[in-house]
Each structure stands twice: as C-alpha cells, then as structure tokens.
N, C-alpha and C. Protein backbone atom coordinates (compact mmCIF):
# COMPACT_ATOMS: atom_id res chain seq x y z
N MET A 1 -0.35 50.57 -56.21
CA MET A 1 -0.66 50.51 -57.28
C MET A 1 -0.85 48.89 -57.50
N SER A 2 -1.90 48.13 -58.13
CA SER A 2 -1.80 46.88 -58.14
C SER A 2 -0.83 46.45 -59.51
N PHE A 3 -0.43 45.22 -59.14
CA PHE A 3 0.45 44.77 -60.45
C PHE A 3 0.07 44.63 -62.04
N HIS A 4 -1.03 44.44 -61.66
CA HIS A 4 -2.27 43.97 -62.99
C HIS A 4 -1.98 46.10 -64.09
N GLU A 5 -2.08 47.02 -63.02
CA GLU A 5 -2.22 48.31 -64.03
C GLU A 5 -0.90 48.46 -64.67
N SER A 6 0.33 47.77 -64.14
CA SER A 6 1.44 47.80 -64.92
C SER A 6 2.51 47.07 -65.68
N CYS A 7 1.53 45.61 -65.49
CA CYS A 7 2.51 44.94 -66.34
C CYS A 7 1.36 44.11 -67.84
N ASP A 8 1.98 43.63 -68.39
CA ASP A 8 1.67 42.98 -69.79
C ASP A 8 1.79 41.49 -69.89
N LEU A 9 0.65 41.39 -70.81
CA LEU A 9 0.81 39.75 -71.05
C LEU A 9 1.04 38.85 -69.72
N ILE A 10 -0.25 38.95 -68.87
CA ILE A 10 -0.28 38.55 -67.47
C ILE A 10 -0.65 36.83 -67.50
N ARG A 11 -0.42 36.10 -67.02
CA ARG A 11 -0.92 34.71 -67.31
C ARG A 11 -0.24 33.53 -66.17
N ILE A 12 -0.69 32.41 -66.06
CA ILE A 12 -0.23 31.38 -65.11
C ILE A 12 0.03 30.30 -66.13
N GLU A 13 0.88 29.91 -64.83
CA GLU A 13 1.47 28.26 -65.36
C GLU A 13 1.46 27.72 -64.38
N VAL A 14 0.81 26.42 -64.58
CA VAL A 14 0.98 25.07 -63.36
C VAL A 14 2.31 24.68 -63.57
N ARG A 15 3.10 24.23 -62.67
CA ARG A 15 4.66 23.64 -63.30
C ARG A 15 4.57 22.69 -61.97
N GLY A 16 4.03 21.62 -61.96
CA GLY A 16 3.97 20.47 -61.11
C GLY A 16 2.93 20.46 -60.34
N ASP A 17 3.49 20.61 -59.13
CA ASP A 17 2.88 20.83 -57.52
C ASP A 17 2.47 22.63 -57.32
N HIS A 18 2.87 23.45 -58.55
CA HIS A 18 2.69 24.71 -57.93
C HIS A 18 2.38 25.17 -58.91
N THR A 19 1.14 26.88 -58.99
CA THR A 19 1.70 27.75 -59.94
C THR A 19 2.14 29.11 -59.93
N VAL A 20 2.52 29.59 -60.91
CA VAL A 20 3.49 30.56 -61.16
C VAL A 20 2.53 31.43 -62.12
N LEU A 21 2.51 32.70 -61.38
CA LEU A 21 2.21 33.71 -61.93
C LEU A 21 3.19 34.85 -62.72
N LEU A 22 3.00 35.09 -64.17
CA LEU A 22 3.91 35.49 -65.30
C LEU A 22 3.39 36.57 -65.63
N ALA A 23 4.65 37.82 -65.80
CA ALA A 23 4.07 39.21 -66.66
C ALA A 23 5.25 39.83 -66.75
N ALA A 24 4.58 40.63 -67.93
CA ALA A 24 6.09 41.55 -68.65
C ALA A 24 5.88 43.13 -67.57
N ALA A 25 6.60 42.80 -66.88
CA ALA A 25 6.50 44.01 -65.56
C ALA A 25 7.37 45.13 -65.93
N LYS A 26 6.16 46.27 -65.63
CA LYS A 26 7.23 47.59 -65.81
C LYS A 26 8.02 47.59 -64.97
N ASN A 27 9.65 48.11 -65.14
CA ASN A 27 10.42 48.38 -64.22
C ASN A 27 10.77 49.70 -63.89
N GLY A 28 11.49 49.93 -62.61
CA GLY A 28 11.68 51.41 -61.83
C GLY A 28 11.25 52.67 -62.43
N ASP A 29 11.60 52.25 -64.04
CA ASP A 29 11.59 53.67 -64.41
C ASP A 29 10.19 54.22 -65.48
N GLY A 30 9.43 52.83 -65.74
CA GLY A 30 8.13 52.67 -66.43
C GLY A 30 8.85 52.99 -67.65
N ASP A 31 9.85 52.57 -68.25
CA ASP A 31 9.50 52.76 -69.62
C ASP A 31 9.73 51.62 -70.56
N GLU A 32 10.10 50.82 -69.93
CA GLU A 32 10.56 49.33 -70.44
C GLU A 32 9.93 47.90 -68.95
N THR A 33 9.55 46.75 -70.04
CA THR A 33 9.29 45.94 -68.90
C THR A 33 10.66 44.49 -69.18
N VAL A 34 10.67 43.94 -68.00
CA VAL A 34 11.10 42.71 -67.55
C VAL A 34 10.26 41.80 -67.32
N PRO A 35 10.94 40.80 -67.66
CA PRO A 35 10.18 39.51 -67.44
C PRO A 35 10.05 39.31 -65.76
N ALA A 36 8.82 38.65 -65.17
CA ALA A 36 8.65 38.76 -63.41
C ALA A 36 7.46 37.43 -63.16
N GLU A 37 7.89 36.70 -62.11
CA GLU A 37 7.15 35.80 -62.32
C GLU A 37 6.69 35.76 -60.16
N ILE A 38 6.02 35.25 -59.67
CA ILE A 38 5.97 35.06 -58.67
C ILE A 38 4.96 33.44 -58.31
N VAL A 39 5.65 33.13 -57.26
CA VAL A 39 5.01 31.63 -57.03
C VAL A 39 3.34 32.02 -56.34
N LEU A 40 2.51 31.66 -56.99
CA LEU A 40 0.92 31.65 -55.83
C LEU A 40 1.20 30.90 -54.57
N ASP A 41 1.97 29.26 -54.99
CA ASP A 41 1.25 28.45 -53.56
C ASP A 41 2.17 29.05 -52.68
N GLU A 42 3.10 30.06 -52.43
CA GLU A 42 3.80 30.86 -51.44
C GLU A 42 3.16 31.21 -50.24
N GLN A 43 1.99 32.20 -50.72
CA GLN A 43 0.41 32.87 -50.20
C GLN A 43 -0.33 32.49 -50.00
N ILE A 44 -1.05 31.20 -51.07
CA ILE A 44 -2.50 31.10 -51.43
C ILE A 44 -2.10 29.48 -51.13
N GLY A 45 -3.14 29.37 -50.25
CA GLY A 45 -3.96 27.70 -49.70
C GLY A 45 -5.26 27.83 -49.99
N ASN A 46 -5.37 26.07 -49.51
CA ASN A 46 -6.56 25.77 -49.83
C ASN A 46 -7.62 25.59 -47.91
N GLY A 47 -8.39 26.30 -48.27
CA GLY A 47 -9.25 26.27 -46.81
C GLY A 47 -10.49 25.98 -47.05
N ASP A 48 -10.77 24.45 -47.21
CA ASP A 48 -11.60 23.55 -47.12
C ASP A 48 -12.45 24.24 -48.12
N GLY A 49 -11.32 24.00 -49.27
CA GLY A 49 -12.43 24.18 -50.83
C GLY A 49 -12.82 25.78 -50.56
N TRP A 50 -11.84 26.62 -50.16
CA TRP A 50 -11.32 28.44 -50.54
C TRP A 50 -10.63 28.61 -50.61
N PHE A 51 -10.18 29.53 -51.36
CA PHE A 51 -9.11 30.30 -51.61
C PHE A 51 -8.50 30.89 -50.35
N VAL A 52 -7.65 30.67 -49.56
CA VAL A 52 -7.10 31.50 -48.33
C VAL A 52 -5.67 31.85 -48.37
N ARG A 53 -5.90 33.27 -48.42
CA ARG A 53 -4.56 33.92 -48.09
C ARG A 53 -3.46 33.80 -47.17
N GLY A 54 -2.66 33.93 -46.89
CA GLY A 54 -1.85 33.24 -45.98
C GLY A 54 -1.34 31.86 -45.63
N GLY A 55 -1.78 31.45 -46.66
CA GLY A 55 -2.40 29.66 -46.69
C GLY A 55 -0.79 29.26 -47.82
N GLU A 56 -1.05 28.26 -47.90
CA GLU A 56 0.35 27.46 -49.57
C GLU A 56 -0.21 26.29 -49.75
N ASN A 57 0.55 26.28 -50.99
CA ASN A 57 0.40 24.81 -51.55
C ASN A 57 -1.26 24.49 -52.51
N PHE A 58 -2.24 25.37 -52.30
CA PHE A 58 -3.71 25.72 -53.07
C PHE A 58 -3.41 24.78 -54.50
N THR A 59 -2.24 24.50 -54.62
CA THR A 59 -2.32 23.63 -56.63
C THR A 59 -2.33 22.19 -56.30
N GLN A 60 -1.77 21.55 -55.00
CA GLN A 60 -1.94 20.20 -55.01
C GLN A 60 -2.96 19.98 -54.57
N THR A 61 -4.76 20.48 -54.47
CA THR A 61 -5.58 20.11 -54.09
C THR A 61 -6.85 20.77 -54.99
N ALA A 62 -6.08 21.47 -56.03
CA ALA A 62 -7.11 22.27 -57.28
C ALA A 62 -6.84 21.63 -58.56
N HIS A 63 -8.19 21.79 -58.85
CA HIS A 63 -8.23 21.47 -60.54
C HIS A 63 -8.68 22.38 -61.15
N GLU A 64 -8.41 22.54 -62.86
CA GLU A 64 -8.95 23.28 -63.74
C GLU A 64 -8.62 25.02 -63.78
N ILE A 65 -7.40 25.29 -63.12
CA ILE A 65 -7.22 26.33 -62.46
C ILE A 65 -6.88 27.20 -63.95
N GLU A 66 -7.25 28.12 -63.28
CA GLU A 66 -7.50 29.08 -64.88
C GLU A 66 -6.89 30.31 -64.29
N LEU A 67 -6.97 31.67 -65.02
CA LEU A 67 -6.71 33.04 -64.96
C LEU A 67 -7.39 33.99 -65.60
N GLU A 68 -8.84 34.52 -64.72
CA GLU A 68 -9.55 34.79 -64.96
C GLU A 68 -9.77 36.73 -64.74
N PHE A 69 -9.71 37.85 -66.41
CA PHE A 69 -9.75 39.11 -66.51
C PHE A 69 -11.02 39.51 -66.31
N ARG A 70 -11.04 40.44 -65.26
CA ARG A 70 -12.58 40.98 -64.99
C ARG A 70 -12.16 42.28 -64.54
N GLU A 71 -13.17 43.45 -64.62
CA GLU A 71 -13.14 44.57 -64.27
C GLU A 71 -12.30 44.94 -63.17
N ASP A 72 -12.33 44.40 -61.81
CA ASP A 72 -11.02 44.61 -60.80
C ASP A 72 -10.29 43.89 -60.86
N GLY A 73 -9.60 43.64 -61.77
CA GLY A 73 -8.20 42.83 -62.08
C GLY A 73 -8.48 41.04 -62.20
N PRO A 74 -7.26 40.21 -62.57
CA PRO A 74 -7.32 39.45 -62.89
C PRO A 74 -7.68 38.32 -61.35
N TRP A 75 -8.35 37.31 -61.77
CA TRP A 75 -9.08 36.63 -60.73
C TRP A 75 -8.31 35.25 -61.02
N LEU A 76 -7.74 34.70 -59.98
CA LEU A 76 -7.18 33.24 -59.75
C LEU A 76 -8.70 32.34 -59.69
N THR A 77 -8.73 31.51 -60.39
CA THR A 77 -9.96 30.59 -60.12
C THR A 77 -9.53 28.85 -60.56
N ALA A 78 -10.75 28.20 -59.65
CA ALA A 78 -10.49 26.42 -59.38
C ALA A 78 -11.43 25.93 -59.06
N TYR A 79 -11.19 25.01 -59.41
CA TYR A 79 -12.32 24.10 -57.88
C TYR A 79 -11.35 23.48 -57.41
N LEU A 80 -11.71 23.50 -55.85
CA LEU A 80 -10.68 23.41 -54.66
C LEU A 80 -11.44 22.11 -54.36
N THR A 81 -10.78 21.32 -53.81
CA THR A 81 -11.17 20.10 -52.53
C THR A 81 -11.59 20.40 -51.37
N GLU A 82 -12.79 20.10 -50.65
CA GLU A 82 -12.79 20.26 -49.29
C GLU A 82 -12.60 19.23 -48.77
N VAL A 83 -12.17 19.55 -46.84
CA VAL A 83 -11.88 18.02 -46.52
C VAL A 83 -12.28 17.27 -46.83
N ASP A 84 -13.67 17.03 -46.71
CA ASP A 84 -14.50 15.84 -46.89
C ASP A 84 -13.89 14.99 -48.38
N GLY A 85 -13.18 15.79 -48.73
CA GLY A 85 -12.69 15.27 -50.01
C GLY A 85 -14.03 15.18 -51.43
N ASP A 86 -14.66 16.09 -51.20
CA ASP A 86 -16.15 16.37 -52.41
C ASP A 86 -15.11 18.05 -53.11
N ASP A 87 -15.50 18.25 -53.95
CA ASP A 87 -15.38 19.79 -54.79
C ASP A 87 -15.64 20.75 -54.46
N ARG A 88 -15.77 21.57 -53.99
CA ARG A 88 -16.55 22.87 -54.06
C ARG A 88 -16.86 23.52 -55.17
N GLU A 89 -17.51 24.48 -55.81
CA GLU A 89 -17.97 24.95 -56.56
C GLU A 89 -16.51 25.90 -56.97
N ARG A 90 -16.83 26.07 -58.43
CA ARG A 90 -15.49 27.06 -58.62
C ARG A 90 -15.12 28.35 -57.96
N GLN A 91 -14.12 28.46 -57.31
CA GLN A 91 -13.72 29.64 -56.29
C GLN A 91 -12.80 30.91 -56.72
N GLY A 92 -12.98 31.97 -56.64
CA GLY A 92 -11.66 32.53 -56.97
C GLY A 92 -11.04 33.54 -55.73
N ILE A 93 -9.60 34.45 -56.17
CA ILE A 93 -9.29 35.03 -55.77
C ILE A 93 -9.03 36.16 -56.56
N ASN A 94 -8.90 37.64 -56.13
CA ASN A 94 -8.68 38.79 -56.94
C ASN A 94 -6.93 38.77 -56.67
N LEU A 95 -6.55 38.51 -57.47
CA LEU A 95 -4.56 38.93 -57.85
C LEU A 95 -4.46 40.12 -57.33
N ALA A 96 -5.11 40.85 -58.06
CA ALA A 96 -5.07 42.23 -57.83
C ALA A 96 -5.03 42.96 -56.13
N ASP A 97 -5.81 42.23 -55.33
CA ASP A 97 -5.66 42.89 -54.09
C ASP A 97 -4.42 42.11 -53.43
N HIS A 98 -3.74 41.66 -53.88
CA HIS A 98 -2.93 40.68 -52.96
C HIS A 98 -1.27 40.99 -53.46
N ILE A 99 -1.44 41.45 -54.78
CA ILE A 99 0.32 41.48 -55.46
C ILE A 99 0.56 42.52 -56.23
N GLY A 100 1.83 43.24 -55.77
CA GLY A 100 1.94 44.53 -56.45
C GLY A 100 3.02 44.18 -57.63
N ASN A 101 3.70 45.59 -58.25
CA ASN A 101 5.06 45.48 -58.85
C ASN A 101 6.03 46.39 -58.27
N ASP A 102 6.91 45.68 -57.63
CA ASP A 102 8.29 46.89 -57.07
C ASP A 102 9.17 46.72 -57.93
N GLY A 103 9.22 47.82 -59.47
CA GLY A 103 10.34 47.72 -59.99
C GLY A 103 10.49 47.24 -61.00
N GLY A 104 9.52 46.10 -61.06
CA GLY A 104 10.00 44.83 -62.39
C GLY A 104 9.45 43.55 -61.86
N ARG A 105 9.70 43.63 -60.46
CA ARG A 105 9.19 42.53 -59.78
C ARG A 105 8.05 42.34 -58.76
N LEU A 106 7.39 41.40 -59.19
CA LEU A 106 6.22 40.63 -58.33
C LEU A 106 6.32 40.40 -57.09
N VAL A 107 5.55 40.99 -56.59
CA VAL A 107 5.87 40.61 -54.85
C VAL A 107 4.55 40.78 -54.26
N TRP A 108 4.43 40.20 -52.99
CA TRP A 108 3.33 39.94 -52.27
C TRP A 108 2.44 41.20 -51.63
N ALA A 109 1.59 42.00 -51.60
CA ALA A 109 1.23 42.90 -51.01
C ALA A 109 0.56 42.58 -49.89
N VAL A 110 1.00 43.91 -48.58
CA VAL A 110 0.75 43.58 -47.28
C VAL A 110 -0.87 43.25 -47.12
N SER A 111 -1.44 42.35 -47.10
CA SER A 111 -2.76 42.39 -46.66
C SER A 111 -3.01 42.33 -44.98
N HIS A 112 -3.86 42.96 -44.81
CA HIS A 112 -4.20 43.29 -43.05
C HIS A 112 -5.16 41.87 -42.54
N GLN A 113 -6.15 41.86 -44.15
CA GLN A 113 -7.24 40.81 -43.46
C GLN A 113 -6.93 39.72 -43.26
N SER A 114 -5.72 39.18 -44.19
CA SER A 114 -5.86 37.64 -44.39
C SER A 114 -3.92 37.23 -44.21
N SER A 115 -3.31 38.07 -43.41
CA SER A 115 -1.95 37.39 -43.57
C SER A 115 -1.95 36.92 -42.01
N LEU A 116 -0.57 35.51 -42.17
CA LEU A 116 -1.09 34.78 -41.20
C LEU A 116 0.12 35.41 -40.41
N LEU A 117 0.12 36.10 -39.02
CA LEU A 117 0.71 36.92 -38.11
C LEU A 117 0.98 35.68 -36.57
N ILE A 118 2.71 35.96 -37.20
CA ILE A 118 3.02 35.16 -35.55
C ILE A 118 3.45 36.43 -35.24
N LEU A 119 3.06 35.53 -33.66
CA LEU A 119 2.89 36.72 -32.51
C LEU A 119 4.22 36.32 -31.54
N THR A 120 5.04 37.03 -31.22
CA THR A 120 6.16 37.03 -30.04
C THR A 120 5.21 37.93 -28.95
N ILE A 121 5.37 36.68 -27.98
CA ILE A 121 4.73 37.60 -26.52
C ILE A 121 5.69 37.29 -25.68
N PHE A 122 5.97 38.98 -24.88
CA PHE A 122 6.89 39.44 -23.64
C PHE A 122 5.92 39.39 -22.68
N ILE A 123 6.42 39.02 -21.33
CA ILE A 123 5.32 40.01 -20.14
C ILE A 123 6.03 39.88 -19.27
N ASP A 124 5.57 41.14 -18.66
CA ASP A 124 6.83 41.19 -17.51
C ASP A 124 5.95 41.39 -15.89
N LEU A 125 6.60 40.72 -15.18
CA LEU A 125 5.63 40.14 -13.51
C LEU A 125 7.07 41.05 -12.86
N HIS A 126 6.09 41.54 -11.96
CA HIS A 126 6.57 42.18 -10.75
C HIS A 126 5.83 42.21 -9.44
N ARG A 127 6.53 41.39 -9.12
CA ARG A 127 5.71 40.79 -7.91
C ARG A 127 4.53 39.25 -8.19
N ASN A 128 4.90 39.19 -9.17
CA ASN A 128 3.80 38.00 -9.07
C ASN A 128 2.72 38.81 -9.88
N ASN A 129 2.10 40.11 -10.42
CA ASN A 129 1.49 40.84 -11.07
C ASN A 129 1.75 40.85 -12.48
N LEU A 130 1.13 41.28 -13.29
CA LEU A 130 1.36 40.92 -15.18
C LEU A 130 1.46 42.88 -14.62
N VAL A 131 2.48 43.05 -14.85
CA VAL A 131 2.50 44.87 -15.55
C VAL A 131 2.27 45.24 -17.04
N ARG A 132 3.24 44.17 -17.50
CA ARG A 132 3.00 44.61 -19.23
C ARG A 132 3.17 43.38 -20.04
N PHE A 133 1.99 43.47 -21.13
CA PHE A 133 1.98 42.41 -22.21
C PHE A 133 2.58 43.64 -23.60
N THR A 134 3.24 42.46 -23.94
CA THR A 134 3.55 43.27 -25.62
C THR A 134 3.48 41.79 -26.21
N ALA A 135 3.49 42.09 -27.89
CA ALA A 135 3.13 41.13 -28.60
C ALA A 135 3.63 42.31 -29.66
N ALA A 136 4.55 41.12 -30.39
CA ALA A 136 5.41 42.10 -31.51
C ALA A 136 4.50 40.95 -32.58
N ALA A 137 4.24 41.30 -33.63
CA ALA A 137 3.91 40.18 -34.35
C ALA A 137 4.34 40.98 -35.99
N ALA A 138 5.11 39.54 -36.87
CA ALA A 138 5.45 39.91 -38.06
C ALA A 138 5.41 39.10 -38.96
N ALA A 139 4.42 39.42 -40.26
CA ALA A 139 4.06 38.48 -41.30
C ALA A 139 4.23 37.45 -42.17
N SER A 140 4.07 36.45 -41.86
CA SER A 140 5.02 34.94 -42.36
C SER A 140 5.34 35.28 -43.79
N GLY A 141 6.56 35.51 -43.94
CA GLY A 141 7.00 35.99 -45.80
C GLY A 141 6.54 37.32 -45.94
N LEU A 142 6.30 37.74 -45.65
CA LEU A 142 6.38 39.81 -45.90
C LEU A 142 6.98 40.03 -45.32
N SER A 143 7.58 40.29 -43.95
CA SER A 143 8.03 41.44 -43.26
C SER A 143 8.63 40.99 -42.05
N ASP A 144 9.55 41.32 -41.76
CA ASP A 144 10.12 41.13 -40.53
C ASP A 144 9.52 42.62 -39.14
N ASP A 145 9.56 43.62 -40.08
CA ASP A 145 9.36 44.80 -39.38
C ASP A 145 7.71 45.13 -38.99
N PHE A 146 6.69 44.28 -38.62
CA PHE A 146 5.19 44.73 -37.98
C PHE A 146 5.80 45.16 -36.87
N PRO A 147 4.65 46.28 -36.36
CA PRO A 147 5.01 46.98 -35.40
C PRO A 147 4.68 45.92 -33.92
N SER A 148 4.90 46.60 -33.15
CA SER A 148 4.96 45.96 -31.81
C SER A 148 3.74 46.53 -31.22
N VAL A 149 3.09 45.75 -29.81
CA VAL A 149 2.19 46.02 -29.40
C VAL A 149 2.12 46.29 -28.18
N SER A 150 2.27 47.04 -26.91
CA SER A 150 1.97 46.78 -25.54
C SER A 150 1.27 47.39 -24.92
N TRP A 151 0.60 46.70 -24.03
CA TRP A 151 -0.15 47.10 -23.10
C TRP A 151 0.46 46.92 -21.53
N ARG A 152 0.44 47.94 -21.00
CA ARG A 152 0.37 47.97 -19.17
C ARG A 152 -0.67 48.40 -18.94
N LEU A 153 -0.97 47.60 -17.56
CA LEU A 153 -1.54 46.89 -17.05
C LEU A 153 -1.72 47.62 -15.41
N PRO A 154 -2.88 47.73 -15.28
CA PRO A 154 -2.41 48.34 -13.72
C PRO A 154 -2.52 47.41 -12.72
N GLN A 155 -1.60 47.79 -11.96
CA GLN A 155 -1.27 46.17 -10.53
C GLN A 155 -2.19 45.72 -9.89
N ALA A 156 -3.29 46.78 -9.47
CA ALA A 156 -4.47 46.48 -8.93
C ALA A 156 -5.18 46.17 -9.40
N ALA A 157 -5.44 45.91 -10.86
CA ALA A 157 -6.56 45.57 -11.84
C ALA A 157 -6.41 44.58 -12.75
N PHE A 158 -7.60 43.85 -12.22
CA PHE A 158 -7.24 42.20 -13.51
C PHE A 158 -8.20 42.59 -14.94
N THR A 159 -8.70 43.53 -15.09
CA THR A 159 -9.05 44.06 -16.12
C THR A 159 -8.76 45.31 -16.57
N PRO A 160 -7.75 45.82 -17.29
CA PRO A 160 -7.34 47.01 -17.44
C PRO A 160 -8.64 47.64 -18.43
N ARG A 161 -8.38 49.14 -17.60
CA ARG A 161 -8.63 49.75 -19.09
C ARG A 161 -7.57 50.52 -19.67
N LEU A 162 -7.80 50.21 -21.26
CA LEU A 162 -7.23 50.50 -21.97
C LEU A 162 -7.04 51.43 -22.94
N GLU A 163 -6.17 51.92 -23.15
CA GLU A 163 -6.05 53.68 -24.22
C GLU A 163 -5.26 53.65 -24.37
N PRO A 164 -5.02 53.42 -26.14
CA PRO A 164 -4.14 53.73 -27.22
C PRO A 164 -3.15 55.22 -27.02
N GLU A 165 -2.09 54.94 -27.39
CA GLU A 165 -0.83 55.94 -27.33
C GLU A 165 0.30 55.67 -28.34
N TRP A 166 0.07 56.65 -29.49
CA TRP A 166 1.16 56.53 -30.04
C TRP A 166 2.12 56.79 -29.79
N LEU A 167 3.36 55.98 -30.08
CA LEU A 167 4.88 56.72 -29.79
C LEU A 167 5.32 57.52 -30.83
N PRO A 168 6.24 58.38 -30.69
CA PRO A 168 6.92 58.81 -31.52
C PRO A 168 7.37 58.29 -33.11
N ASP A 169 7.96 57.02 -32.69
CA ASP A 169 8.37 56.34 -33.90
C ASP A 169 7.57 55.82 -34.81
N ALA A 170 6.33 55.64 -34.64
CA ALA A 170 5.21 54.87 -35.26
C ALA A 170 5.10 53.92 -35.07
N ASP A 171 5.87 53.02 -35.21
CA ASP A 171 6.62 51.66 -34.34
C ASP A 171 5.04 51.30 -33.15
N THR A 172 5.20 51.22 -32.43
CA THR A 172 4.73 50.89 -31.13
C THR A 172 3.19 51.74 -30.95
N VAL A 173 2.61 51.40 -30.00
CA VAL A 173 1.40 51.43 -29.36
C VAL A 173 1.33 51.04 -28.26
N ARG A 174 0.95 52.07 -27.63
CA ARG A 174 0.68 51.33 -26.12
C ARG A 174 -0.70 51.59 -25.34
N PHE A 175 -1.15 50.91 -25.18
CA PHE A 175 -2.62 50.63 -24.34
C PHE A 175 -2.11 51.30 -22.53
C-alpha cells in the first residue's frame, strides 16, 4: 500500500538544499497517526531535467518545487535544470510509486524499474576457463538483502546456454 492511503496532512518543505516530505502517518495499529518525514533528495535526482529515482539532490537544480495531488497519488513537481543550463518544462514523479508507510515511518519502496544497483561480481576460473559468473546485487540505500544470480558456464562453450533454476531458499537463481 502506498503511503498516501494511510497518511493525512501530506506536504513538502524545502529546507535549504533538500526537500522533505511530511505526513501524519498511521502507526502499526492504524488507530492513531504519528509525525513522519523522509528526505526526498536521498533517492530522487535530476537526470538532465528529468526526475530520476536512484539519484540524489534534485533540489539543488530545481525551482518552483510543489506537491500536486492527482487521482493516482501525490506528485512531486518542479522545473529542473538540464545539463546545458536551460530549464526543462515542469516535470513530475509520482511519490505513491516510491514511498510507503511502515508502521508510522515513511520508507522508500523497492523500485525494480529505477533502483540504482551495485553489483559485486565473482568469477570462478578452472584451468583458465570461466566456470561460473556470479553477480550479487544490492540496491543503494534500500536493502542489502537482494538476491544473488549465478551462471554456470560450460567449459567448452564460449556462449553458454542459460536455463534458470530457482534454488529452494528463493534468494538465488542459477542459469
């Protein structure tokens, strides 16, 4: 559930070089609300005049920052500066797609579409042949528990045939 469905008094404040989303968020019981806030600049950036999730510090290159309430949730809107110094037309990002309410705390929702992924790569060599390639991904600022992906490569083949196999712990998939 998106935060706007369990929060009241949703608003933003520009505080110097960052923008904060504030709300009265329902706690875990849902009976009462508690003050909650989240710094939007921690996960939202400016990519050449477009809002970018997984970026940061959009406020530094934005003006006329506003919160618009639409049918599908609250939208952060602003004029963002492009790389060439010009302003792009007013842009928006639907905060309902990116923020949740976790028992009275505003939190970043995992976004498969726009998360900044950090890959750790492990390569197993056997007699100078690539045997296995493993990539473990962690979303920056979201979770350190992202699944790892493992590819076992045939020693004789340069281009392997990859067939996914989910392991019982559901945290790993092998090809």
